[in-house]
Protein backbone atom coordinates (compact mmCIF):
# COMPACT_ATOMS: atom_id res chain seq x y z
CA MET A 1 25.51 3.70 5.85
CA ASN A 2 22.98 0.77 6.92
CA GLY A 3 24.34 -2.18 4.92
CA LEU A 4 22.19 -1.64 1.85
CA ASN A 5 25.23 -0.98 -0.49
CA ASN A 6 26.37 -4.53 -0.79
CA GLY A 7 25.54 -5.64 -4.08
CA ALA A 8 23.78 -2.62 -4.80
CA ASN A 9 22.92 -1.67 -8.45
CA GLU A 10 25.84 0.21 -9.91
CA ASN A 11 23.93 3.22 -10.77
CA GLY A 12 21.76 3.60 -7.55
CA ARG A 13 18.61 3.28 -10.08
CA LEU A 14 15.37 2.26 -9.26
CA LEU A 15 14.46 -0.36 -11.73
CA ILE A 16 10.80 -1.03 -10.76
CA GLU A 17 7.67 -0.17 -12.82
CA PRO A 18 6.73 3.73 -12.95
CA GLY A 19 3.20 2.77 -11.91
CA ILE A 20 4.35 1.74 -8.62
CA ALA A 21 7.62 4.18 -8.16
CA GLU A 22 4.99 7.08 -8.74
CA ILE A 23 2.91 6.34 -5.17
CA LEU A 24 6.21 5.53 -3.36
CA PRO A 25 7.24 8.35 -0.85
CA ALA A 26 10.69 9.44 -1.41
CA MET A 27 12.45 8.06 1.15
CA LEU A 28 11.44 4.68 -0.09
CA LYS A 29 12.81 5.15 -3.69
CA VAL A 30 16.03 5.86 -2.53
CA THR A 31 16.24 3.12 -0.23
CA LEU A 32 14.91 0.84 -3.21
CA ALA A 33 17.48 2.33 -5.42
CA LYS A 34 20.30 1.22 -3.07
CA MET A 35 19.14 -2.46 -3.39
CA PRO A 36 20.22 -4.86 -6.12
CA GLU A 37 17.99 -5.82 -8.79
CA ASN A 38 16.85 -8.90 -7.47
CA LYS A 39 15.89 -7.08 -4.12
CA GLN A 40 13.91 -4.57 -6.29
CA ALA A 41 12.23 -7.51 -8.36
CA MET A 42 11.39 -9.24 -4.86
CA PHE A 43 9.88 -5.94 -3.86
CA VAL A 44 7.52 -5.47 -6.78
CA GLU A 45 6.44 -9.25 -6.42
CA GLU A 46 5.60 -8.98 -2.79
CA TYR A 47 4.06 -5.55 -3.27
CA ASN A 48 1.94 -6.43 -6.04
CA ARG A 49 0.84 -9.59 -3.99
CA LYS A 50 -0.55 -7.36 -1.07
CA LYS A 51 -1.66 -4.15 -2.45
CA LYS A 52 -5.32 -3.26 -2.72
CA SER A 53 -7.17 -2.02 -5.73
CA VAL A 54 -9.70 1.01 -5.60
CA GLY A 55 -12.23 -0.63 -7.87
CA LEU A 56 -12.44 -3.67 -5.31
CA ALA A 57 -12.59 -1.43 -2.20
CA TYR A 58 -15.94 0.50 -4.07
CA PHE A 59 -17.31 -2.69 -4.59
CA PHE A 60 -17.04 -3.74 -1.16
CA LEU A 61 -18.58 -0.45 -0.23
CA ILE A 62 -21.49 -0.69 -2.43
CA VAL A 63 -22.22 -4.38 -2.81
CA CYS A 64 -20.99 -6.12 0.19
CA PHE A 65 -22.53 -4.48 2.80
CA GLY A 66 -20.47 -1.46 3.30
CA MET A 67 -17.00 -3.34 4.01
CA PRO A 68 -14.24 -1.14 2.75
CA TYR A 69 -12.37 -0.98 5.92
CA GLY A 70 -12.54 -4.53 6.54
CA TYR A 71 -11.14 -4.97 2.88
CA LEU A 72 -8.40 -2.47 4.29
CA GLY A 73 -7.91 -4.49 7.25
CA LYS A 74 -9.24 -1.63 9.47
CA TRP A 75 -11.57 -4.15 11.62
CA GLY A 76 -12.12 -1.60 14.28
CA LEU A 77 -13.30 1.17 12.06
CA GLN A 78 -15.31 -1.56 10.16
CA LEU A 79 -17.22 -2.31 13.33
CA VAL A 80 -17.95 1.28 14.33
CA TYR A 81 -19.04 2.10 10.56
CA TRP A 82 -21.75 -1.03 10.81
CA PHE A 83 -22.83 -0.09 14.20
CA THR A 84 -23.62 3.47 13.41
CA GLY A 85 -25.39 2.39 10.29
CA ALA A 86 -22.61 4.04 8.08
CA GLY A 87 -22.71 7.04 10.23
CA PHE A 88 -26.49 7.37 9.26
CA PHE A 89 -25.28 7.46 5.76
CA ILE A 90 -23.36 10.37 6.08
CA TRP A 91 -20.23 8.38 6.47
CA PHE A 92 -20.98 6.38 3.37
CA PHE A 93 -21.16 9.41 1.29
CA TYR A 94 -18.09 10.46 2.67
CA LEU A 95 -16.27 7.23 1.65
CA LEU A 96 -17.52 7.69 -1.58
CA PHE A 97 -15.04 10.49 -2.26
CA THR A 98 -12.16 9.76 0.24
CA LEU A 99 -11.96 6.09 -0.69
CA PRO A 100 -9.16 6.30 -3.26
CA ASN A 101 -6.91 8.06 -0.87
CA LEU A 102 -7.56 5.44 1.77
CA VAL A 103 -6.57 3.03 -0.95
CA ARG A 104 -3.28 4.96 -1.61
CA ASN A 105 -2.36 5.28 1.87
CA TYR A 106 -2.79 1.60 2.52
CA ASN A 107 -0.84 0.87 -0.36
CA CYS A 108 1.97 3.11 0.95
CA ASP A 109 2.15 1.51 4.13
CA VAL A 110 2.34 -1.98 2.57
CA ALA A 111 5.27 -0.82 0.31
CA ALA A 112 7.06 0.69 3.46
CA GLN A 113 6.36 -2.58 5.02
CA VAL A 114 7.72 -4.69 2.37
CA VAL A 115 10.96 -2.45 2.12
CA ARG A 116 11.46 -3.03 5.94
CA ASP A 117 10.81 -6.69 5.66
CA LEU A 118 13.78 -6.87 2.49
CA VAL A 119 15.97 -4.54 4.56
CA ILE A 120 15.80 -6.98 7.68
CA MET A 121 16.49 -9.96 5.29
CA GLY A 122 19.57 -8.50 4.30
């Protein structure tokens, strides 16, 4: 189909750790399962290098001058957050509850980008 079957593992199994696999969308799981074991290992290594932590995001929100968006690479939102005084603190309280979901979405985007890069590399 898309050239991923060359050297694919014989069972089409996903060989990455369950903690990472559970956050991946179904499409990425299928694409990774078609990749050989060494490509899946490369995915895990690159994903672990680029993913963000919820704990560190809370650290940036509470301790480091409210920088959760900067930590997640969304500098435009970070500037708006600062200029509005954290949305007059309403935005700050909103982030207290939604930050884990923001980090999860960021990590899904990272996983998709890493898979795209691996597919392009062939």
